[in-house]
Every structure is written in C-alpha cells, then in structure tokens.
Amino acid sequence: MARTAVTDVWGVGPRFGKRLAEVGVQTALDLARMDTSFARQQFGVVLERTIRELNGISCIDLESQPQPRQQMACTRSLGKPVCERVELMDIGGSFAEHLATKIRRRGSVTDKVLVFAMTSPFRPGPRFYKSMVVALPCMTSDNRIITQAARDGLGAIFAEGYKLVKVGVVLLDLCPASTAALQAGFEFDVDAGAERAARLMKAVDAINNRFGAHAVHLAATQPHRRVQRQQNKCPDYLTSWSQVPLVRA
C-alpha cells in the first residue's frame, strides 16, 4: 500500500486526493493509518468506511446473488372507466397472464393472487375501493390457473354503479420453483399433469418469443388497447411511419 497513491484507492479520486494531501496523506498506507473519527468529521462517512476496509474491516455486505423478488404487480389507470363486471375481469385477466409469463421467465411460482379495483379519488361521484387475495390450489406459474384466479377475484369484488378507473393484479409470496418443490415434499416433474402443463407453457413462451407477445394467449385475455391512457405519451418516432416528423426546407 505504501507504493499506491491515495488517488488510486477506490472512492477517493482527485478531489479528495488534493484535500488528503493537505493533511499529509499521500499513499494508501497513509490513508489506512488515518484516524477514522477525523476522517468522518472532515471527509464524511464514505471515506471512514474506506479506511476501515483498508484495515480489513468489512463495511459492505456482499451478496453472491440478488435476493429474489417476493411479489410482482401489474397496475394500470384505465383510458376509460369500466362499469361492467365482464370487462373488468377481462382486463384483470390480461394483467394476470402477463405476470404469469414474467415470473415463469424468472423461474418463480406463486400461490396467492391479490386483485383490486378503484374509482378515481379526484373525480366527483361515489367512491369505491376493494381488494381480495385469492389462494391458488398449488404453487404455480401456469397462465391458466393464475388468470382464472384473477378473474374470479375481480368478479367477486365488482359492484354496480361505480366508474372504475384503476385495476391491479399482484402475485404474492413468490419463490423459486425448485424451492417450492422441495417444500412440498416432491418434485414437480414427477406429477404427470404438472409436467404436461410445464410443456404447454414452454411451448406458449417459445411461440410468443418468436412471433411476438400475445401471438398465443388465453381467449379470456384479449389484448386491450383501451387499457392505458396514452394521450400524453411520446410519439413513436422509431416504430410508426405516421409519427415520423417531417422537415420542410
């Protein structure tokens, strides 16, 4: 460390290096011998931690891999209010199918689906907010099971007479599929039904990856173009000829 300039230490840099030189700290060894209390007072907690690290005291916990997400949500403000039960169920079902595809891509499964629907808190009229957690029969990432649960939940919480403007689906208690199998006391591929379902979902994913999202989807989840408000979105300059700006000389 005696041969390493203090400015070569990660996190120091030229600005701190100049100030450290003013107090006699020229090398990494000088920095390692610096009083931590003085360093914290004059240079901040980051430099104090650097000094401790140089002395072999770990200040940053390293993770070999990031912790898996425990939930995943899809919520949208709707372009037009929803007043019909079936329409609400269809929209929520499309959200659920999208989420099921995402957690399957991550190798995760779930056994709980939370759904909610609400009116606008800013518009006049009766207010409504309701949510429900639907338990699944097993840990799964199957589009069909998760979508049906979301549809059932939204159908149950729907109430007549309200203009619903926001809908959400949240998959709870996510865990790796391998972990769920061990906790259940068996491997998923032992079950013939689960094996067929896994092959089906794999085929669906392969087709959609090749031909685009929604190339294959559940009949109850017709893609809804009206779901999201897009009046303030940026033009699609790179994907739509009609929105390419014209320049006249």
C-alpha atoms as a PDB file:
ATOM      1  CA  MET A   1       0.000   0.000   0.000  1.00  0.00           C
ATOM      2  CA  ALA A   2       2.985   2.279   0.511  1.00  0.00           C
ATOM      3  CA  ARG A   3       3.520   2.340  -3.271  1.00  0.00           C
ATOM      4  CA  THR A   4      -0.133   3.043  -4.121  1.00  0.00           C
ATOM      5  CA  ALA A   5      -1.141   6.670  -4.484  1.00  0.00           C
ATOM      6  CA  VAL A   6      -4.113   7.645  -2.380  1.00  0.00           C
ATOM      7  CA  THR A   7      -5.950   8.811  -5.507  1.00  0.00           C
ATOM      8  CA  ASP A   8      -5.794   5.229  -6.829  1.00  0.00           C
ATOM      9  CA  VAL A   9      -7.876   3.974  -3.925  1.00  0.00           C
ATOM     10  CA  TRP A  10     -11.440   3.248  -4.996  1.00  0.00           C
ATOM     11  CA  GLY A  11     -13.775   6.052  -3.948  1.00  0.00           C
ATOM     12  CA  VAL A  12     -11.112   8.695  -3.268  1.00  0.00           C
ATOM     13  CA  GLY A  13     -10.467  10.428  -6.578  1.00  0.00           C
ATOM     14  CA  PRO A  14      -8.609  13.672  -7.385  1.00  0.00           C
ATOM     15  CA  ARG A  15     -10.819  15.998  -5.322  1.00  0.00           C
ATOM     16  CA  PHE A  16     -10.431  14.058  -2.087  1.00  0.00           C
ATOM     17  CA  GLY A  17      -6.804  13.321  -3.001  1.00  0.00           C
ATOM     18  CA  LYS A  18      -5.947  17.014  -3.019  1.00  0.00           C
ATOM     19  CA  ARG A  19      -7.562  17.580   0.377  1.00  0.00           C
ATOM     20  CA  LEU A  20      -5.922  14.472   1.825  1.00  0.00           C
ATOM     21  CA  ALA A  21      -2.521  15.637   0.597  1.00  0.00           C
ATOM     22  CA  GLU A  22      -3.014  18.834   2.596  1.00  0.00           C
ATOM     23  CA  VAL A  23      -3.171  16.754   5.798  1.00  0.00           C
ATOM     24  CA  GLY A  24      -0.202  14.584   4.846  1.00  0.00           C
ATOM     25  CA  VAL A  25      -1.996  11.589   3.335  1.00  0.00           C
ATOM     26  CA  GLN A  26      -0.154  10.670   0.134  1.00  0.00           C
ATOM     27  CA  THR A  27      -0.460   6.887  -0.149  1.00  0.00           C
ATOM     28  CA  ALA A  28      -2.955   4.137   0.557  1.00  0.00           C
ATOM     29  CA  LEU A  29      -0.876   3.199   3.609  1.00  0.00           C
ATOM     30  CA  ASP A  30      -1.166   6.748   4.955  1.00  0.00           C
ATOM     31  CA  LEU A  31      -4.915   6.539   4.442  1.00  0.00           C
ATOM     32  CA  ALA A  32      -5.130   3.195   6.241  1.00  0.00           C
ATOM     33  CA  ARG A  33      -3.361   4.731   9.260  1.00  0.00           C
ATOM     34  CA  MET A  34      -5.616   7.810   9.305  1.00  0.00           C
ATOM     35  CA  ASP A  35      -7.831   8.309  12.358  1.00  0.00           C
ATOM     36  CA  THR A  36     -11.364   7.220  11.451  1.00  0.00           C
ATOM     37  CA  SER A  37     -13.049   9.817  13.653  1.00  0.00           C
ATOM     38  CA  PHE A  38     -11.097  12.624  11.992  1.00  0.00           C
ATOM     39  CA  ALA A  39     -11.836  11.191   8.552  1.00  0.00           C
ATOM     40  CA  ARG A  40     -15.548  11.026   9.276  1.00  0.00           C
ATOM     41  CA  GLN A  41     -15.600  14.594  10.609  1.00  0.00           C
ATOM     42  CA  GLN A  42     -13.592  16.130   7.779  1.00  0.00           C
ATOM     43  CA  PHE A  43     -14.415  13.927   4.772  1.00  0.00           C
ATOM     44  CA  GLY A  44     -17.597  12.028   5.564  1.00  0.00           C
ATOM     45  CA  VAL A  45     -18.717   8.508   6.335  1.00  0.00           C
ATOM     46  CA  VAL A  46     -17.740   7.113   2.924  1.00  0.00           C
ATOM     47  CA  LEU A  47     -14.038   7.782   3.466  1.00  0.00           C
ATOM     48  CA  GLU A  48     -14.291   6.426   7.010  1.00  0.00           C
ATOM     49  CA  ARG A  49     -15.628   3.157   5.619  1.00  0.00           C
ATOM     50  CA  THR A  50     -12.841   3.093   3.036  1.00  0.00           C
ATOM     51  CA  ILE A  51     -10.264   3.349   5.818  1.00  0.00           C
ATOM     52  CA  ARG A  52     -11.910   0.522   7.740  1.00  0.00           C
ATOM     53  CA  GLU A  53     -11.958  -1.618   4.593  1.00  0.00           C
ATOM     54  CA  LEU A  54      -8.223  -0.959   4.081  1.00  0.00           C
ATOM     55  CA  ASN A  55      -7.691  -2.287   7.601  1.00  0.00           C
ATOM     56  CA  GLY A  56      -9.602  -5.477   6.885  1.00  0.00           C
ATOM     57  CA  ILE A  57     -12.903  -4.476   8.490  1.00  0.00           C
ATOM     58  CA  SER A  58     -15.801  -5.265   6.180  1.00  0.00           C
ATOM     59  CA  CYS A  59     -18.301  -2.411   5.922  1.00  0.00           C
ATOM     60  CA  ILE A  60     -20.279  -3.586   2.895  1.00  0.00           C
ATOM     61  CA  ASP A  61     -22.086  -6.918   2.911  1.00  0.00           C
ATOM     62  CA  LEU A  62     -21.507  -8.705  -0.357  1.00  0.00           C
ATOM     63  CA  GLU A  63     -24.238 -10.861  -1.859  1.00  0.00           C
ATOM     64  CA  SER A  64     -23.351 -13.670  -4.218  1.00  0.00           C
ATOM     65  CA  GLN A  65     -26.683 -13.095  -5.973  1.00  0.00           C
ATOM     66  CA  PRO A  66     -29.574 -10.650  -5.516  1.00  0.00           C
ATOM     67  CA  GLN A  67     -32.491 -11.709  -3.356  1.00  0.00           C
ATOM     68  CA  PRO A  68     -35.428 -12.926  -5.452  1.00  0.00           C
ATOM     69  CA  ARG A  69     -38.471 -10.702  -5.626  1.00  0.00           C
ATOM     70  CA  GLN A  70     -41.270 -11.737  -3.300  1.00  0.00           C
ATOM     71  CA  GLN A  71     -44.070 -10.148  -5.292  1.00  0.00           C
ATOM     72  CA  MET A  72     -44.778  -8.736  -8.736  1.00  0.00           C
ATOM     73  CA  ALA A  73     -47.542  -6.338  -9.704  1.00  0.00           C
ATOM     74  CA  CYS A  74     -49.284  -5.033 -12.800  1.00  0.00           C
ATOM     75  CA  THR A  75     -51.487  -1.985 -12.172  1.00  0.00           C
ATOM     76  CA  ARG A  76     -52.902   0.456 -14.684  1.00  0.00           C
ATOM     77  CA  SER A  77     -55.005   3.583 -14.830  1.00  0.00           C
ATOM     78  CA  LEU A  78     -57.633   2.881 -17.456  1.00  0.00           C
ATOM     79  CA  GLY A  79     -58.231   5.020 -20.518  1.00  0.00           C
ATOM     80  CA  LYS A  80     -61.997   4.883 -19.959  1.00  0.00           C
ATOM     81  CA  PRO A  81     -63.932   3.996 -16.799  1.00  0.00           C
ATOM     82  CA  VAL A  82     -65.076   0.388 -16.507  1.00  0.00           C
ATOM     83  CA  CYS A  83     -68.652  -0.203 -15.399  1.00  0.00           C
ATOM     84  CA  GLU A  84     -69.193  -3.845 -16.415  1.00  0.00           C
ATOM     85  CA  ARG A  85     -68.135  -6.952 -14.473  1.00  0.00           C
ATOM     86  CA  VAL A  86     -67.030  -8.967 -17.514  1.00  0.00           C
ATOM     87  CA  GLU A  87     -64.921  -6.121 -18.866  1.00  0.00           C
ATOM     88  CA  LEU A  88     -63.181  -5.725 -15.513  1.00  0.00           C
ATOM     89  CA  MET A  89     -62.496  -9.458 -15.384  1.00  0.00           C
ATOM     90  CA  ASP A  90     -61.084  -9.444 -18.924  1.00  0.00           C
ATOM     91  CA  ILE A  91     -58.706  -6.579 -18.176  1.00  0.00           C
ATOM     92  CA  GLY A  92     -57.502  -8.149 -14.937  1.00  0.00           C
ATOM     93  CA  GLY A  93     -57.100 -11.475 -16.688  1.00  0.00           C
ATOM     94  CA  SER A  94     -54.764  -9.938 -19.264  1.00  0.00           C
ATOM     95  CA  PHE A  95     -52.683  -8.445 -16.433  1.00  0.00           C
ATOM     96  CA  ALA A  96     -52.510 -11.834 -14.715  1.00  0.00           C
ATOM     97  CA  GLU A  97     -51.405 -13.633 -17.874  1.00  0.00           C
ATOM     98  CA  HIS A  98     -48.663 -11.053 -18.382  1.00  0.00           C
ATOM     99  CA  LEU A  99     -47.442 -11.536 -14.799  1.00  0.00           C
ATOM    100  CA  ALA A 100     -47.526 -15.323 -15.057  1.00  0.00           C
ATOM    101  CA  THR A 101     -45.267 -15.120 -18.106  1.00  0.00           C
ATOM    102  CA  LYS A 102     -42.850 -12.828 -16.264  1.00  0.00           C
ATOM    103  CA  ILE A 103     -42.493 -14.982 -13.151  1.00  0.00           C
ATOM    104  CA  ARG A 104     -42.096 -18.096 -15.299  1.00  0.00           C
ATOM    105  CA  ARG A 105     -39.240 -16.381 -17.122  1.00  0.00           C
ATOM    106  CA  ARG A 106     -37.624 -15.793 -13.724  1.00  0.00           C
ATOM    107  CA  GLY A 107     -38.160 -19.389 -12.650  1.00  0.00           C
ATOM    108  CA  SER A 108     -40.591 -18.409  -9.887  1.00  0.00           C
ATOM    109  CA  VAL A 109     -44.001 -19.643  -8.764  1.00  0.00           C
ATOM    110  CA  THR A 110     -46.790 -18.243  -6.593  1.00  0.00           C
ATOM    111  CA  ASP A 111     -49.772 -19.480  -4.623  1.00  0.00           C
ATOM    112  CA  LYS A 112     -51.608 -16.190  -3.970  1.00  0.00           C
ATOM    113  CA  VAL A 113     -53.072 -13.558  -6.281  1.00  0.00           C
ATOM    114  CA  LEU A 114     -54.173 -10.157  -4.982  1.00  0.00           C
ATOM    115  CA  VAL A 115     -56.585  -8.107  -7.090  1.00  0.00           C
ATOM    116  CA  PHE A 116     -58.033  -4.645  -6.565  1.00  0.00           C
ATOM    117  CA  ALA A 117     -60.179  -2.080  -8.350  1.00  0.00           C
ATOM    118  CA  MET A 118     -60.929   1.526  -7.503  1.00  0.00           C
ATOM    119  CA  THR A 119     -62.625   4.703  -8.636  1.00  0.00           C
ATOM    120  CA  SER A 120     -60.778   7.994  -9.065  1.00  0.00           C
ATOM    121  CA  PRO A 121     -60.158   9.869  -5.801  1.00  0.00           C
ATOM    122  CA  PHE A 122     -60.253  13.149  -7.741  1.00  0.00           C
ATOM    123  CA  ARG A 123     -63.482  12.896  -9.707  1.00  0.00           C
ATOM    124  CA  PRO A 124     -66.918  13.650  -8.276  1.00  0.00           C
ATOM    125  CA  GLY A 125     -69.249  10.750  -7.624  1.00  0.00           C
ATOM    126  CA  PRO A 126     -69.391   7.700  -5.361  1.00  0.00           C
ATOM    127  CA  ARG A 127     -66.046   6.304  -4.233  1.00  0.00           C
ATOM    128  CA  PHE A 128     -65.075   2.643  -4.331  1.00  0.00           C
ATOM    129  CA  TYR A 129     -62.011   0.608  -3.436  1.00  0.00           C
ATOM    130  CA  LYS A 130     -61.917  -3.097  -2.784  1.00  0.00           C
ATOM    131  CA  SER A 131     -59.300  -5.830  -2.880  1.00  0.00           C
ATOM    132  CA  MET A 132     -59.168  -9.580  -2.437  1.00  0.00           C
ATOM    133  CA  VAL A 133     -56.495 -12.250  -2.092  1.00  0.00           C
ATOM    134  CA  VAL A 134     -57.262 -15.452  -3.987  1.00  0.00           C
ATOM    135  CA  ALA A 135     -55.428 -18.599  -2.875  1.00  0.00           C
ATOM    136  CA  LEU A 136     -54.254 -20.939  -5.631  1.00  0.00           C
ATOM    137  CA  PRO A 137     -54.532 -24.729  -5.327  1.00  0.00           C
ATOM    138  CA  CYS A 138     -50.744 -25.101  -5.571  1.00  0.00           C
ATOM    139  CA  MET A 139     -47.544 -23.176  -6.222  1.00  0.00           C
ATOM    140  CA  THR A 140     -47.619 -22.457  -9.942  1.00  0.00           C
ATOM    141  CA  SER A 141     -46.726 -20.157 -12.830  1.00  0.00           C
ATOM    142  CA  ASP A 142     -49.387 -21.578 -15.145  1.00  0.00           C
ATOM    143  CA  ASN A 143     -51.145 -18.841 -17.128  1.00  0.00           C
ATOM    144  CA  ARG A 144     -54.480 -20.620 -16.896  1.00  0.00           C
ATOM    145  CA  ILE A 145     -54.555 -21.025 -13.120  1.00  0.00           C
ATOM    146  CA  ILE A 146     -53.284 -17.535 -12.304  1.00  0.00           C
ATOM    147  CA  THR A 147     -55.529 -15.841 -14.864  1.00  0.00           C
ATOM    148  CA  GLN A 148     -58.620 -17.678 -13.652  1.00  0.00           C
ATOM    149  CA  ALA A 149     -57.848 -16.687 -10.056  1.00  0.00           C
ATOM    150  CA  ALA A 150     -57.523 -13.017 -11.019  1.00  0.00           C
ATOM    151  CA  ARG A 151     -60.766 -13.108 -12.980  1.00  0.00           C
ATOM    152  CA  ASP A 152     -62.609 -14.801 -10.126  1.00  0.00           C
ATOM    153  CA  GLY A 153     -61.309 -12.254  -7.620  1.00  0.00           C
ATOM    154  CA  LEU A 154     -62.237  -9.226  -9.706  1.00  0.00           C
ATOM    155  CA  GLY A 155     -65.642 -10.698 -10.443  1.00  0.00           C
ATOM    156  CA  ALA A 156     -66.210 -11.135  -6.715  1.00  0.00           C
ATOM    157  CA  ILE A 157     -65.247  -7.586  -5.706  1.00  0.00           C
ATOM    158  CA  PHE A 158     -67.097  -5.863  -8.553  1.00  0.00           C
ATOM    159  CA  ALA A 159     -70.024  -3.657  -7.541  1.00  0.00           C
ATOM    160  CA  GLU A 160     -72.607  -1.997  -9.770  1.00  0.00           C
ATOM    161  CA  GLY A 161     -72.843   1.773 -10.063  1.00  0.00           C
ATOM    162  CA  TYR A 162     -69.159   2.713  -9.916  1.00  0.00           C
ATOM    163  CA  LYS A 163     -66.822   4.022 -12.598  1.00  0.00           C
ATOM    164  CA  LEU A 164     -63.631   2.077 -12.023  1.00  0.00           C
ATOM    165  CA  VAL A 165     -60.505   3.760 -13.346  1.00  0.00           C
ATOM    166  CA  LYS A 166     -57.689   1.702 -11.846  1.00  0.00           C
ATOM    167  CA  VAL A 167     -57.189  -2.063 -11.738  1.00  0.00           C
ATOM    168  CA  GLY A 168     -54.335  -4.083 -10.311  1.00  0.00           C
ATOM    169  CA  VAL A 169     -53.135  -7.662 -10.040  1.00  0.00           C
ATOM    170  CA  VAL A 170     -50.314  -8.647  -7.668  1.00  0.00           C
ATOM    171  CA  LEU A 171     -48.684 -12.067  -7.393  1.00  0.00           C
ATOM    172  CA  LEU A 172     -47.678 -12.656  -3.769  1.00  0.00           C
ATOM    173  CA  ASP A 173     -45.222 -14.939  -1.948  1.00  0.00           C
ATOM    174  CA  LEU A 174     -43.057 -15.610  -4.995  1.00  0.00           C
ATOM    175  CA  CYS A 175     -40.372 -18.231  -4.588  1.00  0.00           C
ATOM    176  CA  PRO A 176     -38.110 -20.266  -6.885  1.00  0.00           C
ATOM    177  CA  ALA A 177     -39.880 -23.247  -8.426  1.00  0.00           C
ATOM    178  CA  SER A 178     -37.167 -25.599  -7.142  1.00  0.00           C
ATOM    179  CA  THR A 179     -37.617 -24.356  -3.577  1.00  0.00           C
ATOM    180  CA  ALA A 180     -41.381 -24.741  -3.758  1.00  0.00           C
ATOM    181  CA  ALA A 181     -40.985 -28.318  -4.961  1.00  0.00           C
ATOM    182  CA  LEU A 182     -38.744 -29.232  -2.036  1.00  0.00           C
ATOM    183  CA  GLN A 183     -41.067 -27.581   0.476  1.00  0.00           C
ATOM    184  CA  ALA A 184     -43.982 -29.573  -0.916  1.00  0.00           C
ATOM    185  CA  GLY A 185     -42.032 -32.781  -0.474  1.00  0.00           C
ATOM    186  CA  PHE A 186     -41.964 -33.789  -4.145  1.00  0.00           C
ATOM    187  CA  GLU A 187     -40.531 -32.697  -7.478  1.00  0.00           C
ATOM    188  CA  PHE A 188     -42.911 -31.067  -9.939  1.00  0.00           C
ATOM    189  CA  ASP A 189     -41.814 -33.238 -12.851  1.00  0.00           C
ATOM    190  CA  VAL A 190     -42.989 -36.373 -11.042  1.00  0.00           C
ATOM    191  CA  ASP A 191     -46.593 -35.278 -11.456  1.00  0.00           C
ATOM    192  CA  ALA A 192     -47.832 -36.064 -14.965  1.00  0.00           C
ATOM    193  CA  GLY A 193     -50.346 -33.198 -15.005  1.00  0.00           C
ATOM    194  CA  ALA A 194     -47.756 -30.676 -13.868  1.00  0.00           C
ATOM    195  CA  GLU A 195     -45.316 -31.976 -16.462  1.00  0.00           C
ATOM    196  CA  ARG A 196     -47.846 -31.536 -19.267  1.00  0.00           C
ATOM    197  CA  ALA A 197     -48.664 -28.033 -18.008  1.00  0.00           C
ATOM    198  CA  ALA A 198     -44.969 -27.127 -17.930  1.00  0.00           C
ATOM    199  CA  ARG A 199     -44.507 -28.341 -21.510  1.00  0.00           C
ATOM    200  CA  LEU A 200     -47.555 -26.385 -22.622  1.00  0.00           C
ATOM    201  CA  MET A 201     -46.335 -23.149 -21.013  1.00  0.00           C
ATOM    202  CA  LYS A 202     -42.886 -23.698 -22.526  1.00  0.00           C
ATOM    203  CA  ALA A 203     -44.449 -24.065 -25.970  1.00  0.00           C
ATOM    204  CA  VAL A 204     -46.556 -20.922 -25.478  1.00  0.00           C
ATOM    205  CA  ASP A 205     -43.485 -18.946 -24.423  1.00  0.00           C
ATOM    206  CA  ALA A 206     -41.497 -20.195 -27.417  1.00  0.00           C
ATOM    207  CA  ILE A 207     -44.229 -19.167 -29.874  1.00  0.00           C
ATOM    208  CA  ASN A 208     -44.664 -15.729 -28.292  1.00  0.00           C
ATOM    209  CA  ASN A 209     -40.909 -15.157 -28.239  1.00  0.00           C
ATOM    210  CA  ARG A 210     -40.736 -15.930 -31.953  1.00  0.00           C
ATOM    211  CA  PHE A 211     -43.895 -14.262 -33.237  1.00  0.00           C
ATOM    212  CA  GLY A 212     -44.439 -11.513 -30.657  1.00  0.00           C
ATOM    213  CA  ALA A 213     -46.356 -11.057 -27.426  1.00  0.00           C
ATOM    214  CA  HIS A 214     -49.971 -12.251 -27.482  1.00  0.00           C
ATOM    215  CA  ALA A 215     -49.401 -14.388 -30.581  1.00  0.00           C
ATOM    216  CA  VAL A 216     -50.843 -17.139 -28.384  1.00  0.00           C
ATOM    217  CA  HIS A 217     -52.978 -16.123 -25.420  1.00  0.00           C
ATOM    218  CA  LEU A 218     -55.982 -17.252 -23.449  1.00  0.00           C
ATOM    219  CA  ALA A 219     -59.323 -16.490 -25.055  1.00  0.00           C
ATOM    220  CA  ALA A 220     -60.388 -14.639 -21.897  1.00  0.00           C
ATOM    221  CA  THR A 221     -57.452 -12.226 -22.177  1.00  0.00           C
ATOM    222  CA  GLN A 222     -57.942 -10.439 -25.475  1.00  0.00           C
ATOM    223  CA  PRO A 223     -55.301  -7.679 -25.620  1.00  0.00           C
ATOM    224  CA  HIS A 224     -56.975  -4.422 -24.588  1.00  0.00           C
ATOM    225  CA  ARG A 225     -55.812  -1.352 -26.483  1.00  0.00           C
ATOM    226  CA  ARG A 226     -58.013   0.876 -24.345  1.00  0.00           C
ATOM    227  CA  VAL A 227     -56.475  -0.061 -21.008  1.00  0.00           C
ATOM    228  CA  GLN A 228     -53.811   2.607 -20.622  1.00  0.00           C
ATOM    229  CA  ARG A 229     -54.170   6.331 -21.043  1.00  0.00           C
ATOM    230  CA  GLN A 230     -51.752   7.378 -23.771  1.00  0.00           C
ATOM    231  CA  GLN A 231     -52.740  10.920 -24.678  1.00  0.00           C
ATOM    232  CA  ASN A 232     -49.539  12.274 -23.111  1.00  0.00           C
ATOM    233  CA  LYS A 233     -47.133   9.607 -24.380  1.00  0.00           C
ATOM    234  CA  CYS A 234     -44.197  10.471 -26.605  1.00  0.00           C
ATOM    235  CA  PRO A 235     -44.632   9.857 -30.351  1.00  0.00           C
ATOM    236  CA  ASP A 236     -43.417   6.518 -31.732  1.00  0.00           C
ATOM    237  CA  TYR A 237     -40.786   8.029 -33.989  1.00  0.00           C
ATOM    238  CA  LEU A 238     -38.898   4.757 -34.425  1.00  0.00           C
ATOM    239  CA  THR A 239     -41.792   2.346 -34.884  1.00  0.00           C
ATOM    240  CA  SER A 240     -44.552   4.253 -36.701  1.00  0.00           C
ATOM    241  CA  TRP A 241     -44.163   5.869 -40.130  1.00  0.00           C
ATOM    242  CA  SER A 242     -47.187   8.087 -39.495  1.00  0.00           C
ATOM    243  CA  GLN A 243     -45.458   9.675 -36.491  1.00  0.00           C
ATOM    244  CA  VAL A 244     -42.085  10.395 -38.087  1.00  0.00           C
ATOM    245  CA  PRO A 245     -41.603  14.199 -38.020  1.00  0.00           C
ATOM    246  CA  LEU A 246     -41.499  15.987 -41.375  1.00  0.00           C
ATOM    247  CA  VAL A 247     -38.917  18.674 -42.116  1.00  0.00           C
ATOM    248  CA  ARG A 248     -39.506  21.128 -44.958  1.00  0.00           C
ATOM    249  CA  ALA A 249     -36.628  23.244 -46.214  1.00  0.00           C
END
